[in-house]
Amino acid sequence: MKIAQDFEYQGDDWWKWWIWIDATDAELNQIDQVVYNLHSTFPEPVRTVKDRSSKFRLKTAGWGVFRIYADVFLEEGPPKRLIHDLVLRYPNGTPTKA
């Protein structure tokens, strides 16, 4: 189980991006909700996603990269903490800097 991501460059150093839980169907079926902790500069930096059908996808936008923490709350057992370093690239493939 890990955090996966994708993004789309919008221009002017701005990206739409989304993250989700990359896991087997059996693992996803055990998840009750995911609480994502974004950078503190985001409006509502702590966001809860309960949509199993989207693999607990979170969609947002921004201009920079940072570390994302996700607390995966399971139907049974303790939550699991996942960590992901967001990657954003310009259309030519050059990564953006933190």
N, C-alpha and C. Protein backbone atom coordinates (compact mmCIF):
# COMPACT_ATOMS: atom_id res chain seq x y z
N MET A 1 0.86 -1.17 0.00
CA MET A 1 0.00 0.00 0.00
C MET A 1 0.90 1.24 0.00
N LYS A 2 0.61 2.17 -0.92
CA LYS A 2 1.39 3.39 -1.00
C LYS A 2 0.53 4.51 -1.58
N ILE A 3 1.04 5.72 -1.53
CA ILE A 3 0.38 6.87 -2.15
C ILE A 3 0.90 6.98 -3.58
N ALA A 4 -0.02 7.09 -4.53
CA ALA A 4 0.32 7.33 -5.93
C ALA A 4 -0.14 8.74 -6.29
N GLN A 5 0.38 9.27 -7.39
CA GLN A 5 0.02 10.63 -7.77
C GLN A 5 0.06 10.83 -9.27
N ASP A 6 -0.57 11.90 -9.70
CA ASP A 6 -0.46 12.37 -11.07
C ASP A 6 -0.69 13.88 -11.04
N PHE A 7 -0.40 14.55 -12.14
CA PHE A 7 -0.52 16.01 -12.17
C PHE A 7 -0.71 16.49 -13.60
N GLU A 8 -1.14 17.74 -13.71
CA GLU A 8 -1.31 18.38 -15.01
C GLU A 8 -0.89 19.84 -14.87
N TYR A 9 0.10 20.24 -15.66
CA TYR A 9 0.59 21.61 -15.61
C TYR A 9 -0.45 22.56 -16.20
N GLN A 10 -0.73 23.65 -15.47
CA GLN A 10 -1.74 24.62 -15.89
C GLN A 10 -1.14 25.89 -16.49
N GLY A 11 0.17 26.07 -16.33
CA GLY A 11 0.82 27.30 -16.77
C GLY A 11 1.10 28.21 -15.59
N ASP A 12 2.02 29.16 -15.78
CA ASP A 12 2.36 30.12 -14.73
C ASP A 12 2.73 29.45 -13.42
N ASP A 13 3.53 28.40 -13.49
CA ASP A 13 4.00 27.68 -12.29
C ASP A 13 2.85 27.19 -11.41
N TRP A 14 1.82 26.65 -12.02
CA TRP A 14 0.65 26.15 -11.28
C TRP A 14 0.26 24.78 -11.84
N TRP A 15 0.00 23.83 -10.95
CA TRP A 15 -0.37 22.48 -11.33
C TRP A 15 -1.68 22.08 -10.67
N LYS A 16 -2.50 21.32 -11.39
CA LYS A 16 -3.56 20.53 -10.76
C LYS A 16 -2.89 19.20 -10.45
N TRP A 17 -3.15 18.64 -9.29
CA TRP A 17 -2.58 17.34 -8.97
C TRP A 17 -3.54 16.55 -8.10
N TRP A 18 -3.32 15.24 -8.11
CA TRP A 18 -4.18 14.35 -7.35
C TRP A 18 -3.37 13.18 -6.84
N ILE A 19 -3.78 12.69 -5.68
CA ILE A 19 -3.13 11.55 -5.05
C ILE A 19 -4.20 10.54 -4.68
N TRP A 20 -3.79 9.29 -4.55
CA TRP A 20 -4.72 8.23 -4.17
C TRP A 20 -3.93 7.10 -3.53
N ILE A 21 -4.64 6.14 -2.98
CA ILE A 21 -4.01 4.99 -2.36
C ILE A 21 -3.87 3.88 -3.40
N ASP A 22 -2.64 3.51 -3.67
CA ASP A 22 -2.34 2.44 -4.62
C ASP A 22 -2.21 1.16 -3.80
N ALA A 23 -3.21 0.30 -3.93
CA ALA A 23 -3.26 -0.94 -3.13
C ALA A 23 -4.13 -1.95 -3.85
N THR A 24 -4.08 -3.16 -3.39
CA THR A 24 -4.94 -4.21 -3.95
C THR A 24 -6.39 -3.94 -3.56
N ASP A 25 -7.31 -4.55 -4.28
CA ASP A 25 -8.72 -4.41 -3.92
C ASP A 25 -8.99 -4.89 -2.50
N ALA A 26 -8.34 -5.97 -2.11
CA ALA A 26 -8.53 -6.49 -0.75
C ALA A 26 -8.07 -5.46 0.29
N GLU A 27 -6.93 -4.82 0.04
CA GLU A 27 -6.44 -3.80 0.97
C GLU A 27 -7.37 -2.59 0.99
N LEU A 28 -7.80 -2.15 -0.19
CA LEU A 28 -8.70 -0.99 -0.26
C LEU A 28 -10.02 -1.26 0.46
N ASN A 29 -10.49 -2.48 0.38
CA ASN A 29 -11.75 -2.83 1.04
C ASN A 29 -11.65 -2.78 2.56
N GLN A 30 -10.46 -2.80 3.10
CA GLN A 30 -10.25 -2.74 4.55
C GLN A 30 -10.16 -1.30 5.06
N ILE A 31 -10.08 -0.32 4.14
CA ILE A 31 -9.89 1.07 4.54
C ILE A 31 -11.23 1.74 4.81
N ASP A 32 -11.32 2.42 5.93
CA ASP A 32 -12.51 3.19 6.28
C ASP A 32 -12.40 4.61 5.73
N GLN A 33 -11.25 5.25 5.96
CA GLN A 33 -11.01 6.61 5.47
C GLN A 33 -9.53 6.89 5.46
N VAL A 34 -9.15 7.93 4.71
CA VAL A 34 -7.76 8.38 4.65
C VAL A 34 -7.73 9.85 5.01
N VAL A 35 -6.85 10.21 5.94
CA VAL A 35 -6.67 11.60 6.33
C VAL A 35 -5.32 12.06 5.78
N TYR A 36 -5.38 12.98 4.81
CA TYR A 36 -4.18 13.52 4.18
C TYR A 36 -3.75 14.79 4.90
N ASN A 37 -2.47 14.90 5.17
CA ASN A 37 -1.89 16.08 5.79
C ASN A 37 -1.02 16.77 4.76
N LEU A 38 -1.50 17.89 4.24
CA LEU A 38 -0.80 18.66 3.23
C LEU A 38 0.06 19.73 3.90
N HIS A 39 0.79 20.48 3.09
CA HIS A 39 1.61 21.57 3.61
C HIS A 39 0.72 22.58 4.35
N SER A 40 1.25 23.16 5.40
CA SER A 40 0.46 24.05 6.26
C SER A 40 -0.03 25.31 5.55
N THR A 41 0.51 25.63 4.38
CA THR A 41 0.06 26.82 3.64
C THR A 41 -1.24 26.58 2.87
N PHE A 42 -1.68 25.33 2.78
CA PHE A 42 -2.94 25.03 2.09
C PHE A 42 -4.12 25.45 2.94
N PRO A 43 -5.18 25.96 2.30
CA PRO A 43 -6.44 26.10 3.03
C PRO A 43 -6.88 24.69 3.43
N GLU A 44 -7.27 24.50 4.63
CA GLU A 44 -7.66 23.18 5.12
C GLU A 44 -6.56 22.14 4.81
N PRO A 45 -5.41 22.25 5.46
CA PRO A 45 -4.31 21.33 5.15
C PRO A 45 -4.55 19.89 5.57
N VAL A 46 -5.52 19.64 6.43
CA VAL A 46 -5.88 18.27 6.81
C VAL A 46 -7.20 17.94 6.14
N ARG A 47 -7.17 16.92 5.27
CA ARG A 47 -8.35 16.59 4.48
C ARG A 47 -8.67 15.11 4.58
N THR A 48 -9.93 14.81 4.79
CA THR A 48 -10.38 13.43 4.94
C THR A 48 -11.11 12.98 3.68
N VAL A 49 -10.77 11.79 3.20
CA VAL A 49 -11.41 11.22 2.02
C VAL A 49 -11.96 9.85 2.40
N LYS A 50 -13.24 9.62 2.08
CA LYS A 50 -13.90 8.36 2.43
C LYS A 50 -14.38 7.58 1.21
N ASP A 51 -14.06 8.04 0.01
CA ASP A 51 -14.59 7.46 -1.23
C ASP A 51 -13.74 6.27 -1.70
N ARG A 52 -14.17 5.08 -1.37
CA ARG A 52 -13.46 3.86 -1.76
C ARG A 52 -13.41 3.71 -3.28
N SER A 53 -14.48 4.11 -3.98
CA SER A 53 -14.55 3.90 -5.43
C SER A 53 -13.47 4.69 -6.18
N SER A 54 -12.96 5.76 -5.59
CA SER A 54 -11.90 6.55 -6.24
C SER A 54 -10.51 6.19 -5.70
N LYS A 55 -10.43 5.13 -4.91
CA LYS A 55 -9.20 4.74 -4.23
C LYS A 55 -8.75 5.84 -3.26
N PHE A 56 -9.74 6.52 -2.68
CA PHE A 56 -9.50 7.58 -1.69
C PHE A 56 -8.70 8.73 -2.31
N ARG A 57 -9.11 9.11 -3.53
CA ARG A 57 -8.42 10.16 -4.30
C ARG A 57 -8.69 11.55 -3.70
N LEU A 58 -7.63 12.32 -3.62
CA LEU A 58 -7.70 13.73 -3.23
C LEU A 58 -7.23 14.55 -4.42
N LYS A 59 -8.05 15.51 -4.86
CA LYS A 59 -7.71 16.39 -5.97
C LYS A 59 -7.53 17.80 -5.43
N THR A 60 -6.45 18.45 -5.86
CA THR A 60 -6.20 19.83 -5.44
C THR A 60 -5.26 20.47 -6.45
N ALA A 61 -4.71 21.62 -6.09
CA ALA A 61 -3.80 22.33 -7.00
C ALA A 61 -2.80 23.13 -6.17
N GLY A 62 -1.69 23.47 -6.81
CA GLY A 62 -0.68 24.26 -6.12
C GLY A 62 0.53 24.51 -6.99
N TRP A 63 1.52 25.14 -6.37
CA TRP A 63 2.69 25.56 -7.13
C TRP A 63 3.99 24.90 -6.70
N GLY A 64 4.02 24.19 -5.60
CA GLY A 64 5.29 23.65 -5.12
C GLY A 64 5.17 22.22 -4.63
N VAL A 65 6.33 21.63 -4.39
CA VAL A 65 6.39 20.25 -3.92
C VAL A 65 6.65 20.22 -2.42
N PHE A 66 6.23 19.14 -1.80
CA PHE A 66 6.38 18.98 -0.35
C PHE A 66 6.09 17.54 0.01
N ARG A 67 6.30 17.19 1.26
CA ARG A 67 6.02 15.84 1.75
C ARG A 67 4.58 15.76 2.23
N ILE A 68 3.90 14.70 1.80
CA ILE A 68 2.51 14.45 2.18
C ILE A 68 2.48 13.26 3.13
N TYR A 69 1.72 13.41 4.19
CA TYR A 69 1.50 12.33 5.14
C TYR A 69 0.04 11.90 5.02
N ALA A 70 -0.18 10.60 5.02
CA ALA A 70 -1.54 10.08 4.97
C ALA A 70 -1.72 9.06 6.09
N ASP A 71 -2.74 9.26 6.88
CA ASP A 71 -3.10 8.29 7.89
C ASP A 71 -4.26 7.47 7.34
N VAL A 72 -4.01 6.19 7.14
CA VAL A 72 -4.99 5.28 6.57
C VAL A 72 -5.68 4.56 7.73
N PHE A 73 -6.96 4.88 7.92
CA PHE A 73 -7.73 4.26 8.99
C PHE A 73 -8.43 3.03 8.46
N LEU A 74 -8.14 1.91 9.08
CA LEU A 74 -8.67 0.62 8.64
C LEU A 74 -9.94 0.28 9.41
N GLU A 75 -10.73 -0.62 8.84
CA GLU A 75 -11.93 -1.10 9.52
C GLU A 75 -11.55 -1.78 10.83
N GLU A 76 -10.41 -2.47 10.82
CA GLU A 76 -9.91 -3.15 12.01
C GLU A 76 -8.42 -2.90 12.14
N GLY A 77 -7.97 -2.68 13.36
CA GLY A 77 -6.55 -2.50 13.61
C GLY A 77 -6.14 -1.04 13.64
N PRO A 78 -4.88 -0.82 13.96
CA PRO A 78 -4.39 0.56 14.06
C PRO A 78 -4.24 1.21 12.68
N PRO A 79 -4.28 2.55 12.62
CA PRO A 79 -4.06 3.22 11.34
C PRO A 79 -2.64 3.02 10.84
N LYS A 80 -2.48 3.14 9.54
CA LYS A 80 -1.16 3.05 8.91
C LYS A 80 -0.77 4.43 8.42
N ARG A 81 0.48 4.82 8.62
CA ARG A 81 0.99 6.12 8.16
C ARG A 81 1.76 5.89 6.87
N LEU A 82 1.36 6.60 5.82
CA LEU A 82 2.07 6.58 4.55
C LEU A 82 2.69 7.95 4.32
N ILE A 83 3.84 7.97 3.66
CA ILE A 83 4.55 9.22 3.36
C ILE A 83 4.86 9.25 1.88
N HIS A 84 4.64 10.42 1.27
CA HIS A 84 4.89 10.58 -0.17
C HIS A 84 5.45 11.96 -0.44
N ASP A 85 6.53 12.04 -1.21
CA ASP A 85 7.08 13.32 -1.65
C ASP A 85 6.45 13.67 -2.99
N LEU A 86 5.64 14.72 -2.99
CA LEU A 86 4.96 15.16 -4.21
C LEU A 86 5.98 15.55 -5.27
N VAL A 87 5.76 15.11 -6.50
CA VAL A 87 6.61 15.43 -7.64
C VAL A 87 5.76 16.16 -8.67
N LEU A 88 6.22 17.33 -9.09
CA LEU A 88 5.56 18.09 -10.15
C LEU A 88 6.61 18.40 -11.22
N ARG A 89 6.23 18.27 -12.48
CA ARG A 89 7.16 18.52 -13.59
C ARG A 89 6.53 19.47 -14.60
N TYR A 90 7.40 20.25 -15.22
CA TYR A 90 6.98 21.10 -16.33
C TYR A 90 6.75 20.22 -17.56
N PRO A 91 6.07 20.71 -18.57
CA PRO A 91 5.80 19.90 -19.77
C PRO A 91 7.06 19.34 -20.42
N ASN A 92 8.21 20.02 -20.28
CA ASN A 92 9.45 19.51 -20.87
C ASN A 92 10.13 18.44 -20.01
N GLY A 93 9.51 18.09 -18.86
CA GLY A 93 10.04 17.04 -18.01
C GLY A 93 10.88 17.54 -16.84
N THR A 94 11.19 18.82 -16.83
CA THR A 94 11.99 19.39 -15.75
C THR A 94 11.16 19.42 -14.47
N PRO A 95 11.71 18.90 -13.37
CA PRO A 95 10.96 18.94 -12.11
C PRO A 95 10.94 20.35 -11.52
N THR A 96 9.88 20.66 -10.80
CA THR A 96 9.81 21.91 -10.07
C THR A 96 10.62 21.75 -8.80
N LYS A 97 11.03 22.84 -8.21
CA LYS A 97 11.83 22.80 -6.99
C LYS A 97 10.97 23.11 -5.79
N ALA A 98 11.40 22.60 -4.66
CA ALA A 98 10.67 22.81 -3.40
C ALA A 98 10.68 24.28 -3.00
